[in-house]
PDB file of all heavy atoms in Angstrom:
ATOM      1  N   MET A   1      -2.785  -1.666 -13.491  1.00  0.00           N
ATOM      2  CA  MET A   1      -2.533  -0.121 -13.520  1.00  0.00           C
ATOM      3  C   MET A   1      -3.019   0.439 -14.834  1.00  0.00           C
ATOM      4  O   MET A   1      -2.620  -0.030 -15.943  1.00  0.00           O
ATOM      5  CB  MET A   1      -0.952   0.027 -13.478  1.00  0.00           C
ATOM      6  CG  MET A   1      -0.283  -0.494 -12.283  1.00  0.00           C
ATOM      7  SD  MET A   1       1.465  -0.224 -12.118  1.00  0.00           S
ATOM      8  CE  MET A   1       2.027  -1.329 -13.493  1.00  0.00           C
ATOM      9  N   ASN A   2      -3.962   1.312 -14.647  1.00  0.00           N
ATOM     10  CA  ASN A   2      -4.620   2.016 -15.852  1.00  0.00           C
ATOM     11  C   ASN A   2      -4.198   3.484 -15.818  1.00  0.00           C
ATOM     12  O   ASN A   2      -3.764   4.035 -14.950  1.00  0.00           O
ATOM     13  CB  ASN A   2      -6.048   1.804 -15.706  1.00  0.00           C
ATOM     14  CG  ASN A   2      -6.571   0.344 -15.724  1.00  0.00           C
ATOM     15  OD1 ASN A   2      -5.994  -0.551 -16.312  1.00  0.00           O
ATOM     16  ND2 ASN A   2      -7.634   0.103 -14.999  1.00  0.00           N
ATOM     17  N   SER A   3      -4.457   4.132 -17.057  1.00  0.00           N
ATOM     18  CA  SER A   3      -4.174   5.566 -17.259  1.00  0.00           C
ATOM     19  C   SER A   3      -2.800   5.927 -16.800  1.00  0.00           C
ATOM     20  O   SER A   3      -2.622   6.845 -16.061  1.00  0.00           O
ATOM     21  CB  SER A   3      -5.294   6.382 -16.577  1.00  0.00           C
ATOM     22  OG  SER A   3      -6.561   6.034 -16.928  1.00  0.00           O
ATOM     23  N   LEU A   4      -1.760   5.133 -17.238  1.00  0.00           N
ATOM     24  CA  LEU A   4      -0.408   5.260 -16.781  1.00  0.00           C
ATOM     25  C   LEU A   4       0.118   6.606 -17.269  1.00  0.00           C
ATOM     26  O   LEU A   4      -0.221   7.015 -18.387  1.00  0.00           O
ATOM     27  CB  LEU A   4       0.395   4.011 -17.103  1.00  0.00           C
ATOM     28  CG  LEU A   4       0.135   2.812 -16.380  1.00  0.00           C
ATOM     29  CD1 LEU A   4       0.669   1.550 -17.125  1.00  0.00           C
ATOM     30  CD2 LEU A   4       0.797   2.937 -14.988  1.00  0.00           C
ATOM     31  N   GLU A   5       0.884   7.124 -16.414  1.00  0.00           N
ATOM     32  CA  GLU A   5       1.630   8.331 -16.748  1.00  0.00           C
ATOM     33  C   GLU A   5       3.102   8.206 -16.609  1.00  0.00           C
ATOM     34  O   GLU A   5       3.582   7.287 -15.990  1.00  0.00           O
ATOM     35  CB  GLU A   5       1.143   9.403 -15.707  1.00  0.00           C
ATOM     36  CG  GLU A   5      -0.420   9.642 -15.588  1.00  0.00           C
ATOM     37  CD  GLU A   5      -0.720  10.354 -14.397  1.00  0.00           C
ATOM     38  OE1 GLU A   5       0.172  10.670 -13.537  1.00  0.00           O
ATOM     39  OE2 GLU A   5      -1.987  10.673 -14.221  1.00  0.00           O
ATOM     40  N   PRO A   6       3.787   9.024 -17.398  1.00  0.00           N
ATOM     41  CA  PRO A   6       5.300   8.904 -17.326  1.00  0.00           C
ATOM     42  C   PRO A   6       5.815   8.892 -15.835  1.00  0.00           C
ATOM     43  O   PRO A   6       6.778   8.245 -15.581  1.00  0.00           O
ATOM     44  CB  PRO A   6       5.840  10.157 -18.035  1.00  0.00           C
ATOM     45  CG  PRO A   6       4.792  10.420 -19.003  1.00  0.00           C
ATOM     46  CD  PRO A   6       3.433  10.071 -18.398  1.00  0.00           C
ATOM     47  N   ASP A   7       5.100   9.628 -14.918  1.00  0.00           N
ATOM     48  CA  ASP A   7       5.578   9.705 -13.560  1.00  0.00           C
ATOM     49  C   ASP A   7       5.461   8.333 -12.863  1.00  0.00           C
ATOM     50  O   ASP A   7       5.876   8.137 -11.731  1.00  0.00           O
ATOM     51  CB  ASP A   7       4.777  10.763 -12.793  1.00  0.00           C
ATOM     52  CG  ASP A   7       5.355  12.152 -13.109  1.00  0.00           C
ATOM     53  OD1 ASP A   7       6.431  12.160 -13.675  1.00  0.00           O
ATOM     54  OD2 ASP A   7       4.628  13.061 -12.687  1.00  0.00           O
ATOM     55  N   ASP A   8       4.649   7.474 -13.498  1.00  0.00           N
ATOM     56  CA  ASP A   8       4.565   6.060 -12.886  1.00  0.00           C
ATOM     57  C   ASP A   8       5.760   5.248 -13.289  1.00  0.00           C
ATOM     58  O   ASP A   8       5.786   4.048 -12.690  1.00  0.00           O
ATOM     59  CB  ASP A   8       3.246   5.361 -13.418  1.00  0.00           C
ATOM     60  CG  ASP A   8       1.966   6.065 -12.945  1.00  0.00           C
ATOM     61  OD1 ASP A   8       1.924   6.475 -11.827  1.00  0.00           O
ATOM     62  OD2 ASP A   8       1.125   6.295 -13.704  1.00  0.00           O
ATOM     63  N   THR A   9       6.706   5.714 -14.079  1.00  0.00           N
ATOM     64  CA  THR A   9       7.811   4.971 -14.373  1.00  0.00           C
ATOM     65  C   THR A   9       8.601   4.676 -13.065  1.00  0.00           C
ATOM     66  O   THR A   9       8.955   5.591 -12.337  1.00  0.00           O
ATOM     67  CB  THR A   9       8.683   5.709 -15.313  1.00  0.00           C
ATOM     68  OG1 THR A   9       8.006   5.758 -16.557  1.00  0.00           O
ATOM     69  CG2 THR A   9      10.068   4.964 -15.594  1.00  0.00           C
ATOM     70  N   ALA A  10       8.974   3.418 -12.793  1.00  0.00           N
ATOM     71  CA  ALA A  10       9.697   3.053 -11.619  1.00  0.00           C
ATOM     72  C   ALA A  10       9.917   1.479 -11.512  1.00  0.00           C
ATOM     73  O   ALA A  10       9.373   0.784 -12.350  1.00  0.00           O
ATOM     74  CB  ALA A  10       8.868   3.416 -10.379  1.00  0.00           C
ATOM     75  N   VAL A  11      10.657   0.971 -10.640  1.00  0.00           N
ATOM     76  CA  VAL A  11      10.721  -0.341 -10.234  1.00  0.00           C
ATOM     77  C   VAL A  11       9.694  -0.715  -9.345  1.00  0.00           C
ATOM     78  O   VAL A  11       9.613  -0.012  -8.302  1.00  0.00           O
ATOM     79  CB  VAL A  11      12.142  -0.800  -9.902  1.00  0.00           C
ATOM     80  CG1 VAL A  11      12.068  -2.167  -9.354  1.00  0.00           C
ATOM     81  CG2 VAL A  11      13.215  -0.487 -10.900  1.00  0.00           C
ATOM     82  N   TYR A  12       8.847  -1.581  -9.587  1.00  0.00           N
ATOM     83  CA  TYR A  12       7.685  -1.954  -8.739  1.00  0.00           C
ATOM     84  C   TYR A  12       8.205  -3.240  -7.986  1.00  0.00           C
ATOM     85  O   TYR A  12       8.516  -4.236  -8.526  1.00  0.00           O
ATOM     86  CB  TYR A  12       6.501  -2.225  -9.557  1.00  0.00           C
ATOM     87  CG  TYR A  12       5.856  -0.939 -10.033  1.00  0.00           C
ATOM     88  CD1 TYR A  12       6.513  -0.144 -10.954  1.00  0.00           C
ATOM     89  CD2 TYR A  12       4.599  -0.422  -9.346  1.00  0.00           C
ATOM     90  CE1 TYR A  12       5.803   1.097 -11.416  1.00  0.00           C
ATOM     91  CE2 TYR A  12       4.114   0.752  -9.760  1.00  0.00           C
ATOM     92  CZ  TYR A  12       4.685   1.541 -10.763  1.00  0.00           C
ATOM     93  OH  TYR A  12       4.137   2.775 -11.074  1.00  0.00           O
ATOM     94  N   TYR A  13       7.980  -3.040  -6.682  1.00  0.00           N
ATOM     95  CA  TYR A  13       8.456  -4.158  -5.694  1.00  0.00           C
ATOM     96  C   TYR A  13       7.191  -4.748  -5.000  1.00  0.00           C
ATOM     97  O   TYR A  13       6.314  -3.922  -4.566  1.00  0.00           O
ATOM     98  CB  TYR A  13       9.310  -3.628  -4.688  1.00  0.00           C
ATOM     99  CG  TYR A  13      10.702  -3.175  -5.181  1.00  0.00           C
ATOM    100  CD1 TYR A  13      10.918  -1.800  -5.488  1.00  0.00           C
ATOM    101  CD2 TYR A  13      11.768  -4.078  -5.392  1.00  0.00           C
ATOM    102  CE1 TYR A  13      12.069  -1.360  -6.012  1.00  0.00           C
ATOM    103  CE2 TYR A  13      13.067  -3.668  -5.867  1.00  0.00           C
ATOM    104  CZ  TYR A  13      13.181  -2.242  -6.135  1.00  0.00           C
ATOM    105  OH  TYR A  13      14.399  -1.813  -6.706  1.00  0.00           O
ATOM    106  N   CYS A  14       7.227  -6.004  -4.827  1.00  0.00           N
ATOM    107  CA  CYS A  14       6.159  -6.719  -4.001  1.00  0.00           C
ATOM    108  C   CYS A  14       6.798  -6.994  -2.625  1.00  0.00           C
ATOM    109  O   CYS A  14       8.086  -7.221  -2.586  1.00  0.00           O
ATOM    110  CB  CYS A  14       5.839  -8.133  -4.736  1.00  0.00           C
ATOM    111  SG  CYS A  14       4.684  -9.044  -3.863  1.00  0.00           S
ATOM    112  N   ALA A  15       5.936  -6.863  -1.729  1.00  0.00           N
ATOM    113  CA  ALA A  15       6.445  -7.065  -0.235  1.00  0.00           C
ATOM    114  C   ALA A  15       5.482  -7.819   0.520  1.00  0.00           C
ATOM    115  O   ALA A  15       4.160  -7.708   0.267  1.00  0.00           O
ATOM    116  CB  ALA A  15       6.900  -5.876   0.376  1.00  0.00           C
ATOM    117  N   ALA A  16       5.913  -8.609   1.536  1.00  0.00           N
ATOM    118  CA  ALA A  16       5.014  -9.351   2.384  1.00  0.00           C
ATOM    119  C   ALA A  16       5.271  -9.017   3.879  1.00  0.00           C
ATOM    120  O   ALA A  16       6.361  -8.742   4.325  1.00  0.00           O
ATOM    121  CB  ALA A  16       5.189 -10.843   2.355  1.00  0.00           C
ATOM    122  N   VAL A  17       4.276  -8.837   4.608  1.00  0.00           N
ATOM    123  CA  VAL A  17       4.288  -8.371   6.066  1.00  0.00           C
ATOM    124  C   VAL A  17       3.741  -9.477   6.924  1.00  0.00           C
ATOM    125  O   VAL A  17       2.758 -10.138   6.488  1.00  0.00           O
ATOM    126  CB  VAL A  17       3.661  -7.054   6.338  1.00  0.00           C
ATOM    127  CG1 VAL A  17       2.280  -7.068   5.814  1.00  0.00           C
ATOM    128  CG2 VAL A  17       3.876  -6.674   7.768  1.00  0.00           C
ATOM    129  N   PHE A  18       4.334  -9.883   8.049  1.00  0.00           N
ATOM    130  CA  PHE A  18       3.858 -10.844   8.920  1.00  0.00           C
ATOM    131  C   PHE A  18       3.671 -10.053  10.332  1.00  0.00           C
ATOM    132  O   PHE A  18       4.702  -9.873  11.048  1.00  0.00           O
ATOM    133  CB  PHE A  18       4.902 -11.920   9.075  1.00  0.00           C
ATOM    134  CG  PHE A  18       4.932 -12.842   7.919  1.00  0.00           C
ATOM    135  CD1 PHE A  18       5.600 -12.327   6.770  1.00  0.00           C
ATOM    136  CD2 PHE A  18       4.402 -14.085   7.869  1.00  0.00           C
ATOM    137  CE1 PHE A  18       5.781 -13.189   5.560  1.00  0.00           C
ATOM    138  CE2 PHE A  18       4.494 -14.870   6.798  1.00  0.00           C
ATOM    139  CZ  PHE A  18       5.166 -14.431   5.571  1.00  0.00           C
ATOM    140  N   ALA A  19       2.480  -9.757  10.582  1.00  0.00           N
ATOM    141  CA  ALA A  19       2.201  -8.870  11.649  1.00  0.00           C
ATOM    142  C   ALA A  19       0.814  -9.162  12.302  1.00  0.00           C
ATOM    143  O   ALA A  19       0.150  -8.388  12.924  1.00  0.00           O
ATOM    144  CB  ALA A  19       2.316  -7.378  11.403  1.00  0.00           C
ATOM    145  N   GLY A  20       0.336 -10.390  12.179  1.00  0.00           N
ATOM    146  CA  GLY A  20      -1.034 -10.729  12.663  1.00  0.00           C
ATOM    147  C   GLY A  20      -2.019 -10.127  11.758  1.00  0.00           C
ATOM    148  O   GLY A  20      -1.821  -9.776  10.658  1.00  0.00           O
ATOM    149  N   ASP A  21      -3.252 -10.046  12.262  1.00  0.00           N
ATOM    150  CA  ASP A  21      -4.471  -9.547  11.560  1.00  0.00           C
ATOM    151  C   ASP A  21      -4.518  -8.002  11.617  1.00  0.00           C
ATOM    152  O   ASP A  21      -5.232  -7.235  12.309  1.00  0.00           O
ATOM    153  CB  ASP A  21      -5.754 -10.071  12.040  1.00  0.00           C
ATOM    154  CG  ASP A  21      -6.932  -9.809  11.279  1.00  0.00           C
ATOM    155  OD1 ASP A  21      -6.737  -9.277  10.042  1.00  0.00           O
ATOM    156  OD2 ASP A  21      -8.072  -9.820  11.773  1.00  0.00           O
ATOM    157  N   VAL A  22      -3.636  -7.430  10.743  1.00  0.00           N
ATOM    158  CA  VAL A  22      -3.524  -5.896  10.823  1.00  0.00           C
ATOM    159  C   VAL A  22      -4.285  -5.319   9.618  1.00  0.00           C
ATOM    160  O   VAL A  22      -4.041  -5.715   8.520  1.00  0.00           O
ATOM    161  CB  VAL A  22      -2.049  -5.394  10.717  1.00  0.00           C
ATOM    162  CG1 VAL A  22      -1.278  -5.990   9.530  1.00  0.00           C
ATOM    163  CG2 VAL A  22      -1.830  -3.906  10.706  1.00  0.00           C
ATOM    164  N   ARG A  23      -5.189  -4.495   9.984  1.00  0.00           N
ATOM    165  CA  ARG A  23      -6.056  -3.865   8.937  1.00  0.00           C
ATOM    166  C   ARG A  23      -6.240  -2.336   9.194  1.00  0.00           C
ATOM    167  O   ARG A  23      -6.523  -1.936  10.351  1.00  0.00           O
ATOM    168  CB  ARG A  23      -7.363  -4.637   8.896  1.00  0.00           C
ATOM    169  CG  ARG A  23      -7.340  -6.049   8.540  1.00  0.00           C
ATOM    170  CD  ARG A  23      -8.757  -6.726   8.558  1.00  0.00           C
ATOM    171  NE  ARG A  23      -8.533  -8.155   8.537  1.00  0.00           N
ATOM    172  CZ  ARG A  23      -8.638  -8.896   7.428  1.00  0.00           C
ATOM    173  NH1 ARG A  23      -8.866  -8.239   6.257  1.00  0.00           N
ATOM    174  NH2 ARG A  23      -8.432 -10.209   7.492  1.00  0.00           N
ATOM    175  N   PRO A  24      -6.181  -1.505   8.173  1.00  0.00           N
ATOM    176  CA  PRO A  24      -5.821  -1.891   6.780  1.00  0.00           C
ATOM    177  C   PRO A  24      -4.384  -2.362   6.664  1.00  0.00           C
ATOM    178  O   PRO A  24      -3.573  -2.103   7.578  1.00  0.00           O
ATOM    179  CB  PRO A  24      -6.077  -0.689   5.969  1.00  0.00           C
ATOM    180  CG  PRO A  24      -5.774   0.472   7.051  1.00  0.00           C
ATOM    181  CD  PRO A  24      -6.291  -0.106   8.444  1.00  0.00           C
ATOM    182  N   PRO A  25      -4.040  -2.977   5.506  1.00  0.00           N
ATOM    183  CA  PRO A  25      -2.681  -3.383   5.435  1.00  0.00           C
ATOM    184  C   PRO A  25      -1.658  -2.176   5.463  1.00  0.00           C
ATOM    185  O   PRO A  25      -2.101  -1.096   4.943  1.00  0.00           O
ATOM    186  CB  PRO A  25      -2.640  -3.994   3.905  1.00  0.00           C
ATOM    187  CG  PRO A  25      -4.109  -4.340   3.675  1.00  0.00           C
ATOM    188  CD  PRO A  25      -4.963  -3.502   4.487  1.00  0.00           C
ATOM    189  N   PRO A  26      -0.560  -2.258   6.025  1.00  0.00           N
ATOM    190  CA  PRO A  26       0.195  -1.112   6.197  1.00  0.00           C
ATOM    191  C   PRO A  26       0.837  -0.562   4.942  1.00  0.00           C
ATOM    192  O   PRO A  26       0.985  -1.184   3.962  1.00  0.00           O
ATOM    193  CB  PRO A  26       1.373  -1.723   7.126  1.00  0.00           C
ATOM    194  CG  PRO A  26       1.313  -3.154   6.887  1.00  0.00           C
ATOM    195  CD  PRO A  26      -0.047  -3.608   6.675  1.00  0.00           C
ATOM    196  N   ASP A  27       1.030   0.729   5.044  1.00  0.00           N
ATOM    197  CA  ASP A  27       1.651   1.466   4.041  1.00  0.00           C
ATOM    198  C   ASP A  27       3.069   1.919   4.133  1.00  0.00           C
ATOM    199  O   ASP A  27       3.621   2.613   3.338  1.00  0.00           O
ATOM    200  CB  ASP A  27       0.726   2.781   3.591  1.00  0.00           C
ATOM    201  CG  ASP A  27       0.679   3.723   4.763  1.00  0.00           C
ATOM    202  OD1 ASP A  27       1.301   3.536   5.766  1.00  0.00           O
ATOM    203  OD2 ASP A  27      -0.113   4.680   4.676  1.00  0.00           O
TER     204      ASP A  27
END
């Protein structure tokens, strides 16, 4: 993460999805 701004303040979570070959990765 570059050029960070105060609005970027948050808890950042990592997550994994199991749904076969889905592209692009889901949002």
